[in-house]
Amino acid sequence: MASNRLKYLSLGVLVLQTTSLVLTMRYSRTLQGEGPRYLASSAVVLAELLKILACVLLVFKEHNYSMRALNSILRQEILNKPIETLKLAIPSGIYTLQNNLLYLALSNLDAATYQVTYQLKILTTALFSVSMLGRRLGIYQWISLLILMAGVALVQWPSESAPEKEAVSAGSQLVGVAAVLVACCSSGFAGVYFEKILKESKQSVWVRNIQLGMFGLVFGFFGMMAYDGARVRESGMFQGYNTITWTVVVLQALGGLVIAAVIKYADNILKGFATSLSIILSTLISYFWLQDFDPTSVFFLGAVLVIVATFLYGYEGKTPSNPSRA
């Protein structure tokens, strides 16, 4: 009974976190306020810092709140194993790029279109799992990947609109879709690479996430200074920050922890259900609240196909999802 409660609680939190992150990120990138808009690159850096702190606290809890044990495990697993730690530089750099791309995507796509299109990460993860881990996919999973591609293609099907509006939206949508596609590829590769590293070692997933976060913090900081250095020097790293911005940062930082809990307590079927529910909620709220989404019958057909593909992919084999970084 307690296990079931944890299962459904983790799924409920996943739906809430995923939906809230997408909607608040989209809202924060389109909100017209006074002063400069916050820098997405700085938000990525702060999210990495919060992830490190959260994982350190979890390791601290695992070792009965002993500072001596915490210092020992961090020194032993991070400082004394530099080669093992350096292995995580590759996925960390890719994750940092991915996080910046998601801000770019949601600056140019409505939440509903983004949510559905981003499910292509199932396809990229599956392909990288086959090529890098030698995993075998069942017939239902291959069929689900074909349905997934068809669904995403329908979601991106151009709709009829005024020529001027169509030209503007087509340009921004192309940028948004390109950002999502690159993010899906990076997510698939980095996730499978991280899973491969976890399977080859006995380290705690939280220690691994601390290592990822350390590299992510460094990569994110250098990326921020490279692309937004002039603006940071002029107005500071926290320019344009408000309550919505901090909410986005916290939600992004905690996302990996939530997914890790779902992997631990739930299976792929229920995770697919949570993803589908998140897509539906994002679509409804994007239409009624953000009012930046004009649904069409083709979009709904594509969204239904993506939801069906998500369920079908988790149906056969019930292969665990990639262990997530926090």
C-alpha atoms as a PDB file:
ATOM      1  CA  MET A   1       0.000   0.000   0.000  1.00  0.00           C
ATOM      2  CA  ALA A   2       2.806   2.403   0.906  1.00  0.00           C
ATOM      3  CA  SER A   3       4.596   1.485  -2.341  1.00  0.00           C
ATOM      4  CA  ASN A   4       1.453   2.262  -4.355  1.00  0.00           C
ATOM      5  CA  ARG A   5       1.085   5.605  -2.620  1.00  0.00           C
ATOM      6  CA  LEU A   6       4.678   6.501  -3.453  1.00  0.00           C
ATOM      7  CA  LYS A   7       4.148   5.360  -7.046  1.00  0.00           C
ATOM      8  CA  TYR A   8       1.127   7.562  -7.668  1.00  0.00           C
ATOM      9  CA  LEU A   9       2.520  10.429  -5.624  1.00  0.00           C
ATOM     10  CA  SER A  10       5.700  10.466  -7.712  1.00  0.00           C
ATOM     11  CA  LEU A  11       3.637  10.356 -10.923  1.00  0.00           C
ATOM     12  CA  GLY A  12       1.409  13.175  -9.725  1.00  0.00           C
ATOM     13  CA  VAL A  13       4.436  15.290  -8.884  1.00  0.00           C
ATOM     14  CA  LEU A  14       5.947  14.477 -12.293  1.00  0.00           C
ATOM     15  CA  VAL A  15       2.806  15.671 -14.103  1.00  0.00           C
ATOM     16  CA  LEU A  16       2.730  18.826 -12.003  1.00  0.00           C
ATOM     17  CA  GLN A  17       6.450  19.533 -12.427  1.00  0.00           C
ATOM     18  CA  THR A  18       6.558  18.857 -16.191  1.00  0.00           C
ATOM     19  CA  THR A  19       3.438  20.870 -16.964  1.00  0.00           C
ATOM     20  CA  SER A  20       4.374  23.738 -14.654  1.00  0.00           C
ATOM     21  CA  LEU A  21       7.912  23.984 -16.021  1.00  0.00           C
ATOM     22  CA  VAL A  22       6.819  24.145 -19.657  1.00  0.00           C
ATOM     23  CA  LEU A  23       4.040  26.662 -19.026  1.00  0.00           C
ATOM     24  CA  THR A  24       6.005  28.933 -16.689  1.00  0.00           C
ATOM     25  CA  MET A  25       9.045  28.845 -18.990  1.00  0.00           C
ATOM     26  CA  ARG A  26       6.871  29.758 -21.964  1.00  0.00           C
ATOM     27  CA  TYR A  27       5.117  32.491 -19.961  1.00  0.00           C
ATOM     28  CA  SER A  28       8.417  33.908 -18.692  1.00  0.00           C
ATOM     29  CA  ARG A  29       9.867  34.073 -22.224  1.00  0.00           C
ATOM     30  CA  THR A  30       6.839  35.856 -23.703  1.00  0.00           C
ATOM     31  CA  LEU A  31       5.890  38.115 -20.769  1.00  0.00           C
ATOM     32  CA  GLN A  32       6.134  41.762 -21.706  1.00  0.00           C
ATOM     33  CA  GLY A  33       7.390  43.647 -18.672  1.00  0.00           C
ATOM     34  CA  GLU A  34       9.449  46.688 -17.859  1.00  0.00           C
ATOM     35  CA  GLY A  35      13.200  46.430 -18.111  1.00  0.00           C
ATOM     36  CA  PRO A  36      15.326  43.729 -19.771  1.00  0.00           C
ATOM     37  CA  ARG A  37      14.207  40.117 -20.048  1.00  0.00           C
ATOM     38  CA  TYR A  38      16.129  37.648 -17.913  1.00  0.00           C
ATOM     39  CA  LEU A  39      19.025  35.779 -19.469  1.00  0.00           C
ATOM     40  CA  ALA A  40      18.225  32.125 -20.194  1.00  0.00           C
ATOM     41  CA  SER A  41      21.924  31.297 -19.851  1.00  0.00           C
ATOM     42  CA  SER A  42      21.981  32.627 -16.283  1.00  0.00           C
ATOM     43  CA  ALA A  43      18.882  30.597 -15.410  1.00  0.00           C
ATOM     44  CA  VAL A  44      20.665  27.444 -16.623  1.00  0.00           C
ATOM     45  CA  VAL A  45      23.657  28.217 -14.374  1.00  0.00           C
ATOM     46  CA  LEU A  46      21.460  28.781 -11.309  1.00  0.00           C
ATOM     47  CA  ALA A  47      19.482  25.594 -11.978  1.00  0.00           C
ATOM     48  CA  GLU A  48      22.738  23.610 -12.044  1.00  0.00           C
ATOM     49  CA  LEU A  49      23.793  25.157  -8.734  1.00  0.00           C
ATOM     50  CA  LEU A  50      20.467  24.240  -7.117  1.00  0.00           C
ATOM     51  CA  LYS A  51      20.738  20.668  -8.451  1.00  0.00           C
ATOM     52  CA  ILE A  52      24.168  20.272  -6.865  1.00  0.00           C
ATOM     53  CA  LEU A  53      22.882  21.544  -3.514  1.00  0.00           C
ATOM     54  CA  ALA A  54      19.836  19.255  -3.675  1.00  0.00           C
ATOM     55  CA  CYS A  55      21.972  16.188  -4.450  1.00  0.00           C
ATOM     56  CA  VAL A  56      24.463  17.029  -1.703  1.00  0.00           C
ATOM     57  CA  LEU A  57      21.555  17.170   0.746  1.00  0.00           C
ATOM     58  CA  LEU A  58      20.316  13.777  -0.481  1.00  0.00           C
ATOM     59  CA  VAL A  59      23.769  12.211  -0.041  1.00  0.00           C
ATOM     60  CA  PHE A  60      23.915  13.835   3.405  1.00  0.00           C
ATOM     61  CA  LYS A  61      20.565  12.201   4.248  1.00  0.00           C
ATOM     62  CA  GLU A  62      21.694   8.795   2.897  1.00  0.00           C
ATOM     63  CA  HIS A  63      24.604   8.861   5.346  1.00  0.00           C
ATOM     64  CA  ASN A  64      22.492   9.667   8.405  1.00  0.00           C
ATOM     65  CA  TYR A  65      23.253  13.396   8.345  1.00  0.00           C
ATOM     66  CA  SER A  66      26.925  12.834   9.131  1.00  0.00           C
ATOM     67  CA  MET A  67      29.220  15.616   7.898  1.00  0.00           C
ATOM     68  CA  ARG A  68      32.235  13.316   8.257  1.00  0.00           C
ATOM     69  CA  ALA A  69      30.594  10.658   6.054  1.00  0.00           C
ATOM     70  CA  LEU A  70      29.547  13.302   3.522  1.00  0.00           C
ATOM     71  CA  ASN A  71      33.061  14.724   3.264  1.00  0.00           C
ATOM     72  CA  SER A  72      34.495  11.222   2.984  1.00  0.00           C
ATOM     73  CA  ILE A  73      32.170  10.074   0.206  1.00  0.00           C
ATOM     74  CA  LEU A  74      32.594  13.264  -1.841  1.00  0.00           C
ATOM     75  CA  ARG A  75      36.376  13.184  -1.525  1.00  0.00           C
ATOM     76  CA  GLN A  76      36.572   9.462  -2.250  1.00  0.00           C
ATOM     77  CA  GLU A  77      34.180   9.403  -5.200  1.00  0.00           C
ATOM     78  CA  ILE A  78      34.980  12.758  -6.822  1.00  0.00           C
ATOM     79  CA  LEU A  79      38.458  13.983  -5.932  1.00  0.00           C
ATOM     80  CA  ASN A  80      40.130  10.577  -5.675  1.00  0.00           C
ATOM     81  CA  LYS A  81      38.643   9.273  -8.926  1.00  0.00           C
ATOM     82  CA  PRO A  82      39.421  11.996 -11.478  1.00  0.00           C
ATOM     83  CA  ILE A  83      39.121   9.690 -14.512  1.00  0.00           C
ATOM     84  CA  GLU A  84      35.654   8.511 -13.467  1.00  0.00           C
ATOM     85  CA  THR A  85      34.630  12.089 -12.814  1.00  0.00           C
ATOM     86  CA  LEU A  86      35.953  13.322 -16.168  1.00  0.00           C
ATOM     87  CA  LYS A  87      33.802  10.752 -17.996  1.00  0.00           C
ATOM     88  CA  LEU A  88      30.782  12.845 -17.082  1.00  0.00           C
ATOM     89  CA  ALA A  89      32.103  15.969 -18.777  1.00  0.00           C
ATOM     90  CA  ILE A  90      30.631  14.814 -22.120  1.00  0.00           C
ATOM     91  CA  PRO A  91      26.994  14.259 -21.037  1.00  0.00           C
ATOM     92  CA  SER A  92      27.179  17.305 -18.780  1.00  0.00           C
ATOM     93  CA  GLY A  93      28.198  19.564 -21.658  1.00  0.00           C
ATOM     94  CA  ILE A  94      25.420  18.118 -23.813  1.00  0.00           C
ATOM     95  CA  TYR A  95      22.833  18.585 -21.056  1.00  0.00           C
ATOM     96  CA  THR A  96      23.919  22.215 -20.656  1.00  0.00           C
ATOM     97  CA  LEU A  97      23.439  22.788 -24.379  1.00  0.00           C
ATOM     98  CA  GLN A  98      20.062  21.048 -24.198  1.00  0.00           C
ATOM     99  CA  ASN A  99      18.831  23.227 -21.339  1.00  0.00           C
ATOM    100  CA  ASN A 100      19.712  26.391 -23.252  1.00  0.00           C
ATOM    101  CA  LEU A 101      17.969  25.033 -26.356  1.00  0.00           C
ATOM    102  CA  LEU A 102      14.747  24.430 -24.416  1.00  0.00           C
ATOM    103  CA  TYR A 103      14.591  28.121 -23.499  1.00  0.00           C
ATOM    104  CA  LEU A 104      15.100  28.972 -27.163  1.00  0.00           C
ATOM    105  CA  ALA A 105      12.399  26.496 -28.192  1.00  0.00           C
ATOM    106  CA  LEU A 106       9.819  27.862 -25.764  1.00  0.00           C
ATOM    107  CA  SER A 107      10.600  31.410 -26.858  1.00  0.00           C
ATOM    108  CA  ASN A 108       9.383  30.434 -30.337  1.00  0.00           C
ATOM    109  CA  LEU A 109       6.831  27.627 -29.816  1.00  0.00           C
ATOM    110  CA  ASP A 110       3.631  27.437 -27.823  1.00  0.00           C
ATOM    111  CA  ALA A 111       3.651  25.049 -24.873  1.00  0.00           C
ATOM    112  CA  ALA A 112       1.395  22.467 -26.540  1.00  0.00           C
ATOM    113  CA  THR A 113       3.463  22.168 -29.724  1.00  0.00           C
ATOM    114  CA  TYR A 114       6.665  22.031 -27.703  1.00  0.00           C
ATOM    115  CA  GLN A 115       5.355  19.287 -25.403  1.00  0.00           C
ATOM    116  CA  VAL A 116       4.276  17.044 -28.254  1.00  0.00           C
ATOM    117  CA  THR A 117       7.354  17.620 -30.420  1.00  0.00           C
ATOM    118  CA  TYR A 118       9.729  17.032 -27.512  1.00  0.00           C
ATOM    119  CA  GLN A 119       8.419  13.462 -27.221  1.00  0.00           C
ATOM    120  CA  LEU A 120      10.715  12.685 -30.156  1.00  0.00           C
ATOM    121  CA  LYS A 121      13.335  12.153 -27.448  1.00  0.00           C
ATOM    122  CA  ILE A 122      11.716   8.691 -27.091  1.00  0.00           C
ATOM    123  CA  LEU A 123      12.840   7.949 -30.657  1.00  0.00           C
ATOM    124  CA  THR A 124      16.385   9.270 -30.203  1.00  0.00           C
ATOM    125  CA  THR A 125      16.785   7.505 -26.848  1.00  0.00           C
ATOM    126  CA  ALA A 126      15.608   4.222 -28.380  1.00  0.00           C
ATOM    127  CA  LEU A 127      18.005   4.493 -31.326  1.00  0.00           C
ATOM    128  CA  PHE A 128      20.973   5.348 -29.096  1.00  0.00           C
ATOM    129  CA  SER A 129      20.008   2.496 -26.733  1.00  0.00           C
ATOM    130  CA  VAL A 130      20.132   0.047 -29.631  1.00  0.00           C
ATOM    131  CA  SER A 131      23.448   1.354 -30.986  1.00  0.00           C
ATOM    132  CA  MET A 132      25.294   2.047 -27.703  1.00  0.00           C
ATOM    133  CA  LEU A 133      23.847  -0.491 -25.269  1.00  0.00           C
ATOM    134  CA  GLY A 134      22.908  -3.279 -27.672  1.00  0.00           C
ATOM    135  CA  ARG A 135      19.305  -3.150 -26.448  1.00  0.00           C
ATOM    136  CA  ARG A 136      16.695  -5.012 -28.497  1.00  0.00           C
ATOM    137  CA  LEU A 137      13.341  -3.396 -29.159  1.00  0.00           C
ATOM    138  CA  GLY A 138      10.130  -5.361 -29.532  1.00  0.00           C
ATOM    139  CA  ILE A 139       7.716  -5.118 -32.431  1.00  0.00           C
ATOM    140  CA  TYR A 140       5.325  -2.892 -30.445  1.00  0.00           C
ATOM    141  CA  GLN A 141       8.149  -0.496 -29.682  1.00  0.00           C
ATOM    142  CA  TRP A 142       9.204  -0.194 -33.320  1.00  0.00           C
ATOM    143  CA  ILE A 143       5.567   0.382 -34.316  1.00  0.00           C
ATOM    144  CA  SER A 144       5.242   3.002 -31.583  1.00  0.00           C
ATOM    145  CA  LEU A 145       8.276   4.880 -32.934  1.00  0.00           C
ATOM    146  CA  LEU A 146       6.706   5.021 -36.405  1.00  0.00           C
ATOM    147  CA  ILE A 147       3.440   6.284 -34.895  1.00  0.00           C
ATOM    148  CA  LEU A 148       5.423   8.834 -32.883  1.00  0.00           C
ATOM    149  CA  MET A 149       7.109  10.254 -35.991  1.00  0.00           C
ATOM    150  CA  ALA A 150       3.768  10.449 -37.803  1.00  0.00           C
ATOM    151  CA  GLY A 151       2.173  12.234 -34.850  1.00  0.00           C
ATOM    152  CA  VAL A 152       4.933  14.830 -34.549  1.00  0.00           C
ATOM    153  CA  ALA A 153       4.818  15.420 -38.325  1.00  0.00           C
ATOM    154  CA  LEU A 154       1.075  16.143 -38.087  1.00  0.00           C
ATOM    155  CA  VAL A 155       1.595  18.512 -35.162  1.00  0.00           C
ATOM    156  CA  GLN A 156       4.050  20.513 -37.296  1.00  0.00           C
ATOM    157  CA  TRP A 157       1.695  20.541 -40.282  1.00  0.00           C
ATOM    158  CA  PRO A 158       1.259  24.180 -41.400  1.00  0.00           C
ATOM    159  CA  SER A 159      -2.145  25.731 -40.752  1.00  0.00           C
ATOM    160  CA  GLU A 160      -3.930  28.312 -42.850  1.00  0.00           C
ATOM    161  CA  SER A 161      -3.487  31.891 -41.638  1.00  0.00           C
ATOM    162  CA  ALA A 162      -2.974  35.407 -42.881  1.00  0.00           C
ATOM    163  CA  PRO A 163       0.117  35.685 -45.143  1.00  0.00           C
ATOM    164  CA  GLU A 164       1.912  38.250 -42.935  1.00  0.00           C
ATOM    165  CA  LYS A 165       1.198  36.343 -39.735  1.00  0.00           C
ATOM    166  CA  GLU A 166       2.086  33.080 -41.439  1.00  0.00           C
ATOM    167  CA  ALA A 167       5.488  34.393 -42.548  1.00  0.00           C
ATOM    168  CA  VAL A 168       6.364  35.632 -39.067  1.00  0.00           C
ATOM    169  CA  SER A 169       5.122  32.517 -37.271  1.00  0.00           C
ATOM    170  CA  ALA A 170       6.764  30.197 -39.795  1.00  0.00           C
ATOM    171  CA  GLY A 171      10.157  31.790 -39.167  1.00  0.00           C
ATOM    172  CA  SER A 172       9.917  31.624 -35.399  1.00  0.00           C
ATOM    173  CA  GLN A 173       8.394  28.128 -35.481  1.00  0.00           C
ATOM    174  CA  LEU A 174      11.264  26.889 -37.643  1.00  0.00           C
ATOM    175  CA  VAL A 175      13.748  28.149 -35.037  1.00  0.00           C
ATOM    176  CA  GLY A 176      11.716  26.575 -32.228  1.00  0.00           C
ATOM    177  CA  VAL A 177      11.348  23.219 -33.965  1.00  0.00           C
ATOM    178  CA  ALA A 178      15.053  23.127 -34.851  1.00  0.00           C
ATOM    179  CA  ALA A 179      15.915  23.808 -31.194  1.00  0.00           C
ATOM    180  CA  VAL A 180      13.607  20.996 -30.030  1.00  0.00           C
ATOM    181  CA  LEU A 181      15.019  18.523 -32.561  1.00  0.00           C
ATOM    182  CA  VAL A 182      18.608  19.216 -31.514  1.00  0.00           C
ATOM    183  CA  ALA A 183      17.531  18.984 -27.853  1.00  0.00           C
ATOM    184  CA  CYS A 184      15.883  15.599 -28.544  1.00  0.00           C
ATOM    185  CA  CYS A 185      19.072  14.255 -30.123  1.00  0.00           C
ATOM    186  CA  SER A 186      21.235  15.574 -27.297  1.00  0.00           C
ATOM    187  CA  SER A 187      18.811  14.236 -24.683  1.00  0.00           C
ATOM    188  CA  GLY A 188      18.835  10.768 -26.241  1.00  0.00           C
ATOM    189  CA  PHE A 189      22.607  10.525 -26.524  1.00  0.00           C
ATOM    190  CA  ALA A 190      23.419  12.044 -23.123  1.00  0.00           C
ATOM    191  CA  GLY A 191      20.775   9.947 -21.356  1.00  0.00           C
ATOM    192  CA  VAL A 192      22.028   6.662 -22.805  1.00  0.00           C
ATOM    193  CA  TYR A 193      25.666   7.638 -22.221  1.00  0.00           C
ATOM    194  CA  PHE A 194      24.837   8.436 -18.589  1.00  0.00           C
ATOM    195  CA  GLU A 195      22.990   5.129 -18.216  1.00  0.00           C
ATOM    196  CA  LYS A 196      26.026   3.276 -19.607  1.00  0.00           C
ATOM    197  CA  ILE A 197      28.290   4.978 -17.043  1.00  0.00           C
ATOM    198  CA  LEU A 198      25.900   4.165 -14.193  1.00  0.00           C
ATOM    199  CA  LYS A 199      25.784   0.491 -15.177  1.00  0.00           C
ATOM    200  CA  GLU A 200      29.581   0.309 -15.200  1.00  0.00           C
ATOM    201  CA  SER A 201      29.974   1.693 -11.687  1.00  0.00           C
ATOM    202  CA  LYS A 202      28.480   1.282  -8.224  1.00  0.00           C
ATOM    203  CA  GLN A 203      28.330   4.945  -7.350  1.00  0.00           C
ATOM    204  CA  SER A 204      25.186   6.504  -5.967  1.00  0.00           C
ATOM    205  CA  VAL A 205      23.067   8.191  -8.636  1.00  0.00           C
ATOM    206  CA  TRP A 206      23.138  11.349  -6.487  1.00  0.00           C
ATOM    207  CA  VAL A 207      26.955  11.386  -6.432  1.00  0.00           C
ATOM    208  CA  ARG A 208      26.942  10.993 -10.204  1.00  0.00           C
ATOM    209  CA  ASN A 209      24.517  13.911 -10.454  1.00  0.00           C
ATOM    210  CA  ILE A 210      26.803  16.048  -8.295  1.00  0.00           C
ATOM    211  CA  GLN A 211      29.622  15.308 -10.749  1.00  0.00           C
ATOM    212  CA  LEU A 212      27.346  16.188 -13.675  1.00  0.00           C
ATOM    213  CA  GLY A 213      26.259  19.371 -11.943  1.00  0.00           C
ATOM    214  CA  MET A 214      29.844  20.478 -11.312  1.00  0.00           C
ATOM    215  CA  PHE A 215      30.696  20.273 -15.002  1.00  0.00           C
ATOM    216  CA  GLY A 216      27.309  21.736 -15.924  1.00  0.00           C
ATOM    217  CA  LEU A 217      27.949  24.723 -13.683  1.00  0.00           C
ATOM    218  CA  VAL A 218      31.321  25.356 -15.322  1.00  0.00           C
ATOM    219  CA  PHE A 219      30.041  24.870 -18.883  1.00  0.00           C
ATOM    220  CA  GLY A 220      26.959  26.961 -18.167  1.00  0.00           C
ATOM    221  CA  PHE A 221      29.001  29.817 -16.697  1.00  0.00           C
ATOM    222  CA  PHE A 222      31.417  29.931 -19.634  1.00  0.00           C
ATOM    223  CA  GLY A 223      28.495  29.729 -22.050  1.00  0.00           C
ATOM    224  CA  MET A 224      26.782  32.621 -20.278  1.00  0.00           C
ATOM    225  CA  MET A 225      29.916  34.768 -20.423  1.00  0.00           C
ATOM    226  CA  ALA A 226      30.545  33.855 -24.069  1.00  0.00           C
ATOM    227  CA  TYR A 227      27.056  34.711 -25.329  1.00  0.00           C
ATOM    228  CA  ASP A 228      25.738  37.192 -22.762  1.00  0.00           C
ATOM    229  CA  GLY A 229      28.946  38.456 -21.167  1.00  0.00           C
ATOM    230  CA  ALA A 230      28.418  42.072 -22.235  1.00  0.00           C
ATOM    231  CA  ARG A 231      24.891  42.143 -20.800  1.00  0.00           C
ATOM    232  CA  VAL A 232      26.030  40.450 -17.588  1.00  0.00           C
ATOM    233  CA  ARG A 233      28.802  43.024 -17.101  1.00  0.00           C
ATOM    234  CA  GLU A 234      26.388  45.843 -17.876  1.00  0.00           C
ATOM    235  CA  SER A 235      23.312  44.871 -15.833  1.00  0.00           C
ATOM    236  CA  GLY A 236      24.363  41.853 -13.762  1.00  0.00           C
ATOM    237  CA  MET A 237      23.532  38.167 -13.847  1.00  0.00           C
ATOM    238  CA  PHE A 238      20.115  38.629 -12.215  1.00  0.00           C
ATOM    239  CA  GLN A 239      18.736  41.260 -14.576  1.00  0.00           C
ATOM    240  CA  GLY A 240      15.049  40.812 -15.318  1.00  0.00           C
ATOM    241  CA  TYR A 241      14.543  38.249 -12.563  1.00  0.00           C
ATOM    242  CA  ASN A 242      11.143  38.066 -10.883  1.00  0.00           C
ATOM    243  CA  THR A 243       9.010  35.473  -9.109  1.00  0.00           C
ATOM    244  CA  ILE A 244       8.177  33.666 -12.365  1.00  0.00           C
ATOM    245  CA  THR A 245      11.848  33.444 -13.302  1.00  0.00           C
ATOM    246  CA  TRP A 246      12.833  31.947  -9.949  1.00  0.00           C
ATOM    247  CA  THR A 247       9.949  29.483 -10.252  1.00  0.00           C
ATOM    248  CA  VAL A 248      11.310  28.322 -13.622  1.00  0.00           C
ATOM    249  CA  VAL A 249      14.803  27.893 -12.153  1.00  0.00           C
ATOM    250  CA  VAL A 250      13.545  25.849  -9.192  1.00  0.00           C
ATOM    251  CA  LEU A 251      11.282  23.670 -11.352  1.00  0.00           C
ATOM    252  CA  GLN A 252      14.112  22.942 -13.760  1.00  0.00           C
ATOM    253  CA  ALA A 253      16.500  22.144 -10.907  1.00  0.00           C
ATOM    254  CA  LEU A 254      14.093  19.693  -9.280  1.00  0.00           C
ATOM    255  CA  GLY A 255      12.963  18.027 -12.507  1.00  0.00           C
ATOM    256  CA  GLY A 256      15.649  15.347 -12.498  1.00  0.00           C
ATOM    257  CA  LEU A 257      14.934  14.443  -8.885  1.00  0.00           C
ATOM    258  CA  VAL A 258      11.274  13.908  -9.688  1.00  0.00           C
ATOM    259  CA  ILE A 259      12.027  11.739 -12.727  1.00  0.00           C
ATOM    260  CA  ALA A 260      14.489   9.689 -10.693  1.00  0.00           C
ATOM    261  CA  ALA A 261      11.733   9.039  -8.130  1.00  0.00           C
ATOM    262  CA  VAL A 262       9.352   7.937 -10.886  1.00  0.00           C
ATOM    263  CA  ILE A 263      11.974   5.548 -12.285  1.00  0.00           C
ATOM    264  CA  LYS A 264      12.395   4.082  -8.814  1.00  0.00           C
ATOM    265  CA  TYR A 265       8.732   3.697  -7.841  1.00  0.00           C
ATOM    266  CA  ALA A 266       6.789   3.428 -11.139  1.00  0.00           C
ATOM    267  CA  ASP A 267       6.993   1.644 -14.470  1.00  0.00           C
ATOM    268  CA  ASN A 268       7.040   2.808 -18.094  1.00  0.00           C
ATOM    269  CA  ILE A 269       3.267   2.423 -18.522  1.00  0.00           C
ATOM    270  CA  LEU A 270       2.467   4.823 -15.699  1.00  0.00           C
ATOM    271  CA  LYS A 271       5.249   7.171 -16.766  1.00  0.00           C
ATOM    272  CA  GLY A 272       3.664   7.235 -20.231  1.00  0.00           C
ATOM    273  CA  PHE A 273       0.327   8.034 -18.637  1.00  0.00           C
ATOM    274  CA  ALA A 274       1.929  10.934 -16.743  1.00  0.00           C
ATOM    275  CA  THR A 275       3.533  12.254 -19.938  1.00  0.00           C
ATOM    276  CA  SER A 276       0.223  12.049 -21.807  1.00  0.00           C
ATOM    277  CA  LEU A 277      -1.644  13.831 -19.035  1.00  0.00           C
ATOM    278  CA  SER A 278       1.011  16.544 -19.030  1.00  0.00           C
ATOM    279  CA  ILE A 279       0.553  17.049 -22.795  1.00  0.00           C
ATOM    280  CA  ILE A 280      -3.222  17.377 -22.377  1.00  0.00           C
ATOM    281  CA  LEU A 281      -2.913  19.831 -19.491  1.00  0.00           C
ATOM    282  CA  SER A 282      -0.316  21.907 -21.343  1.00  0.00           C
ATOM    283  CA  THR A 283      -2.579  22.071 -24.391  1.00  0.00           C
ATOM    284  CA  LEU A 284      -5.623  23.173 -22.383  1.00  0.00           C
ATOM    285  CA  ILE A 285      -3.764  25.760 -20.307  1.00  0.00           C
ATOM    286  CA  SER A 286      -1.865  27.064 -23.347  1.00  0.00           C
ATOM    287  CA  TYR A 287      -5.200  27.630 -25.099  1.00  0.00           C
ATOM    288  CA  PHE A 288      -7.287  29.011 -22.241  1.00  0.00           C
ATOM    289  CA  TRP A 289      -4.681  30.834 -20.128  1.00  0.00           C
ATOM    290  CA  LEU A 290      -1.669  31.779 -22.267  1.00  0.00           C
ATOM    291  CA  GLN A 291      -3.904  32.174 -25.343  1.00  0.00           C
ATOM    292  CA  ASP A 292      -0.949  31.602 -27.681  1.00  0.00           C
ATOM    293  CA  PHE A 293      -2.241  28.385 -29.186  1.00  0.00           C
ATOM    294  CA  ASP A 294      -4.843  27.964 -31.914  1.00  0.00           C
ATOM    295  CA  PRO A 295      -5.710  24.254 -32.045  1.00  0.00           C
ATOM    296  CA  THR A 296      -6.582  22.494 -35.293  1.00  0.00           C
ATOM    297  CA  SER A 297      -7.994  19.070 -36.005  1.00  0.00           C
ATOM    298  CA  VAL A 298      -4.641  18.043 -37.525  1.00  0.00           C
ATOM    299  CA  PHE A 299      -2.842  19.047 -34.331  1.00  0.00           C
ATOM    300  CA  PHE A 300      -5.221  17.021 -32.177  1.00  0.00           C
ATOM    301  CA  LEU A 301      -4.803  13.983 -34.436  1.00  0.00           C
ATOM    302  CA  GLY A 302      -1.037  14.294 -34.150  1.00  0.00           C
ATOM    303  CA  ALA A 303      -1.208  14.745 -30.365  1.00  0.00           C
ATOM    304  CA  VAL A 304      -3.388  11.633 -30.024  1.00  0.00           C
ATOM    305  CA  LEU A 305      -0.903   9.620 -32.101  1.00  0.00           C
ATOM    306  CA  VAL A 306       1.980  10.808 -29.897  1.00  0.00           C
ATOM    307  CA  ILE A 307       0.068   9.852 -26.744  1.00  0.00           C
ATOM    308  CA  VAL A 308      -0.748   6.416 -28.188  1.00  0.00           C
ATOM    309  CA  ALA A 309       2.897   5.943 -29.179  1.00  0.00           C
ATOM    310  CA  THR A 310       4.025   6.859 -25.651  1.00  0.00           C
ATOM    311  CA  PHE A 311       1.781   4.183 -24.141  1.00  0.00           C
ATOM    312  CA  LEU A 312       2.671   1.596 -26.779  1.00  0.00           C
ATOM    313  CA  TYR A 313       6.421   2.118 -26.358  1.00  0.00           C
ATOM    314  CA  GLY A 314       6.216   1.284 -22.664  1.00  0.00           C
ATOM    315  CA  TYR A 315       3.878  -1.664 -23.211  1.00  0.00           C
ATOM    316  CA  GLU A 316       6.281  -4.337 -24.464  1.00  0.00           C
ATOM    317  CA  GLY A 317       9.410  -5.237 -22.567  1.00  0.00           C
ATOM    318  CA  LYS A 318       8.913  -2.544 -19.945  1.00  0.00           C
ATOM    319  CA  THR A 319      12.532  -1.539 -20.352  1.00  0.00           C
ATOM    320  CA  PRO A 320      13.449   0.961 -17.627  1.00  0.00           C
ATOM    321  CA  SER A 321      13.930   4.532 -18.728  1.00  0.00           C
ATOM    322  CA  ASN A 322      17.365   6.080 -18.628  1.00  0.00           C
ATOM    323  CA  PRO A 323      18.396   6.954 -15.089  1.00  0.00           C
ATOM    324  CA  SER A 324      17.940  10.671 -15.006  1.00  0.00           C
ATOM    325  CA  ARG A 325      20.349  13.298 -13.973  1.00  0.00           C
ATOM    326  CA  ALA A 326      19.036  15.586 -11.262  1.00  0.00           C
END
